[in-house]
Amino acid sequence: MTMEEHFEKTDDSIPLFDGGDTGCGELLLDLLLFMKKQPGESIVEVRALDPGAPLEIPAWCRLTKHELIESEHPIYKIKKTSSQGNQNE
């Protein structure tokens, strides 16, 4: 999947990163690149079907300092910390 294939908008205008059944290694790398493009303090909804996601996504959030707001497999809501910046800043 390309970065554009992962991206959609949810009905309430929250960006959706759809990882589908992508394995967690590739999914987390793509998610990192996606999050870098988001403004600070933004909330992103992530869809990840990989069975390892319930463990991997919370760990990834701790490592990247993003806040895991909601975790109900396969949907996760992540708030980007302002300290992470973005490409446009």
C-alpha atoms as a PDB file:
ATOM      1  CA  MET A   1       0.000   0.000   0.000  1.00  0.00           C
ATOM      2  CA  THR A   2       1.167   3.490  -0.728  1.00  0.00           C
ATOM      3  CA  MET A   3       0.833   6.331   1.783  1.00  0.00           C
ATOM      4  CA  GLU A   4      -2.120   7.703  -0.188  1.00  0.00           C
ATOM      5  CA  GLU A   5      -3.883   4.333  -0.022  1.00  0.00           C
ATOM      6  CA  HIS A   6      -3.686   4.424   3.791  1.00  0.00           C
ATOM      7  CA  PHE A   7      -5.269   7.859   4.113  1.00  0.00           C
ATOM      8  CA  GLU A   8      -8.956   8.746   4.318  1.00  0.00           C
ATOM      9  CA  LYS A   9     -11.090  11.124   6.368  1.00  0.00           C
ATOM     10  CA  THR A  10     -13.661   9.848   8.827  1.00  0.00           C
ATOM     11  CA  ASP A  11     -17.140  11.364   8.903  1.00  0.00           C
ATOM     12  CA  ASP A  12     -16.142  13.759  11.690  1.00  0.00           C
ATOM     13  CA  SER A  13     -13.080  15.013   9.755  1.00  0.00           C
ATOM     14  CA  ILE A  14     -10.566  13.060  11.819  1.00  0.00           C
ATOM     15  CA  PRO A  15      -7.839  11.727   9.499  1.00  0.00           C
ATOM     16  CA  LEU A  16      -7.997   7.934   9.166  1.00  0.00           C
ATOM     17  CA  PHE A  17      -4.857   5.880   8.683  1.00  0.00           C
ATOM     18  CA  ASP A  18      -6.072   2.529   7.347  1.00  0.00           C
ATOM     19  CA  GLY A  19      -3.374  -0.064   7.870  1.00  0.00           C
ATOM     20  CA  GLY A  20      -5.733  -2.869   6.885  1.00  0.00           C
ATOM     21  CA  ASP A  21      -4.089  -6.258   7.323  1.00  0.00           C
ATOM     22  CA  THR A  22      -0.564  -4.881   6.877  1.00  0.00           C
ATOM     23  CA  GLY A  23       1.918  -6.465   9.298  1.00  0.00           C
ATOM     24  CA  CYS A  24       2.860  -4.322  12.272  1.00  0.00           C
ATOM     25  CA  GLY A  25       6.458  -3.670  11.173  1.00  0.00           C
ATOM     26  CA  GLU A  26       5.450  -2.036   7.895  1.00  0.00           C
ATOM     27  CA  LEU A  27       2.310  -0.512   9.426  1.00  0.00           C
ATOM     28  CA  LEU A  28       4.219   1.290  12.194  1.00  0.00           C
ATOM     29  CA  LEU A  29       6.789   2.677   9.758  1.00  0.00           C
ATOM     30  CA  ASP A  30       4.024   3.956   7.464  1.00  0.00           C
ATOM     31  CA  LEU A  31       2.162   5.362  10.479  1.00  0.00           C
ATOM     32  CA  LEU A  32       5.297   7.203  11.603  1.00  0.00           C
ATOM     33  CA  LEU A  33       5.602   8.880   8.190  1.00  0.00           C
ATOM     34  CA  PHE A  34       1.882   9.683   8.179  1.00  0.00           C
ATOM     35  CA  MET A  35       2.004  11.228  11.673  1.00  0.00           C
ATOM     36  CA  LYS A  36       4.954  13.441  10.699  1.00  0.00           C
ATOM     37  CA  LYS A  37       2.678  15.123   8.139  1.00  0.00           C
ATOM     38  CA  GLN A  38      -0.048  15.870  10.697  1.00  0.00           C
ATOM     39  CA  PRO A  39      -0.170  19.149  12.637  1.00  0.00           C
ATOM     40  CA  GLY A  40       0.749  19.088  16.336  1.00  0.00           C
ATOM     41  CA  GLU A  41      -2.042  18.125  18.732  1.00  0.00           C
ATOM     42  CA  SER A  42      -4.069  16.509  15.924  1.00  0.00           C
ATOM     43  CA  ILE A  43      -5.982  13.288  16.498  1.00  0.00           C
ATOM     44  CA  VAL A  44      -5.712  10.437  14.017  1.00  0.00           C
ATOM     45  CA  GLU A  45      -7.870   7.335  13.838  1.00  0.00           C
ATOM     46  CA  VAL A  46      -5.926   4.187  12.979  1.00  0.00           C
ATOM     47  CA  ARG A  47      -7.417   0.954  11.658  1.00  0.00           C
ATOM     48  CA  ALA A  48      -5.087  -2.017  12.071  1.00  0.00           C
ATOM     49  CA  LEU A  49      -6.269  -5.605  11.610  1.00  0.00           C
ATOM     50  CA  ASP A  50      -2.939  -7.261  12.444  1.00  0.00           C
ATOM     51  CA  PRO A  51      -3.357  -9.495  15.530  1.00  0.00           C
ATOM     52  CA  GLY A  52      -0.236  -7.925  17.065  1.00  0.00           C
ATOM     53  CA  ALA A  53      -1.671  -4.391  16.909  1.00  0.00           C
ATOM     54  CA  PRO A  54      -3.169  -4.411  20.445  1.00  0.00           C
ATOM     55  CA  LEU A  55       0.381  -4.759  21.806  1.00  0.00           C
ATOM     56  CA  GLU A  56       2.395  -2.988  19.135  1.00  0.00           C
ATOM     57  CA  ILE A  57       0.415   0.257  18.748  1.00  0.00           C
ATOM     58  CA  PRO A  58       0.430   1.172  22.477  1.00  0.00           C
ATOM     59  CA  ALA A  59       4.169   0.404  22.621  1.00  0.00           C
ATOM     60  CA  TRP A  60       4.768   2.520  19.497  1.00  0.00           C
ATOM     61  CA  CYS A  61       2.855   5.416  21.078  1.00  0.00           C
ATOM     62  CA  ARG A  62       5.035   5.241  24.192  1.00  0.00           C
ATOM     63  CA  LEU A  63       8.206   5.219  22.080  1.00  0.00           C
ATOM     64  CA  THR A  64       7.122   8.114  19.862  1.00  0.00           C
ATOM     65  CA  LYS A  65       5.585  10.102  22.762  1.00  0.00           C
ATOM     66  CA  HIS A  66       2.169  10.214  21.060  1.00  0.00           C
ATOM     67  CA  GLU A  67      -0.884   9.757  23.273  1.00  0.00           C
ATOM     68  CA  LEU A  68      -3.063   6.701  22.757  1.00  0.00           C
ATOM     69  CA  ILE A  69      -6.544   8.093  23.421  1.00  0.00           C
ATOM     70  CA  GLU A  70      -8.648   5.073  22.524  1.00  0.00           C
ATOM     71  CA  SER A  71      -7.806   1.452  21.911  1.00  0.00           C
ATOM     72  CA  GLU A  72     -10.529  -0.919  20.790  1.00  0.00           C
ATOM     73  CA  HIS A  73      -9.032  -3.331  18.264  1.00  0.00           C
ATOM     74  CA  PRO A  74      -9.038  -2.799  15.297  1.00  0.00           C
ATOM     75  CA  ILE A  75      -9.597   0.957  15.841  1.00  0.00           C
ATOM     76  CA  TYR A  76      -7.147   3.194  17.712  1.00  0.00           C
ATOM     77  CA  LYS A  77      -7.195   6.958  18.244  1.00  0.00           C
ATOM     78  CA  ILE A  78      -3.824   8.651  18.640  1.00  0.00           C
ATOM     79  CA  LYS A  79      -3.126  12.257  19.555  1.00  0.00           C
ATOM     80  CA  LYS A  80       0.061  13.665  18.113  1.00  0.00           C
ATOM     81  CA  THR A  81       2.136  15.467  20.706  1.00  0.00           C
ATOM     82  CA  SER A  82       3.030  19.037  19.844  1.00  0.00           C
ATOM     83  CA  SER A  83       6.722  18.315  20.500  1.00  0.00           C
ATOM     84  CA  GLN A  84       6.817  16.029  17.459  1.00  0.00           C
ATOM     85  CA  GLY A  85       6.284  18.882  14.968  1.00  0.00           C
ATOM     86  CA  ASN A  86       5.502  18.270  11.310  1.00  0.00           C
ATOM     87  CA  GLN A  87       7.029  18.810   7.895  1.00  0.00           C
ATOM     88  CA  ASN A  88       5.228  22.108   7.421  1.00  0.00           C
ATOM     89  CA  GLU A  89       6.424  23.775  10.624  1.00  0.00           C
END
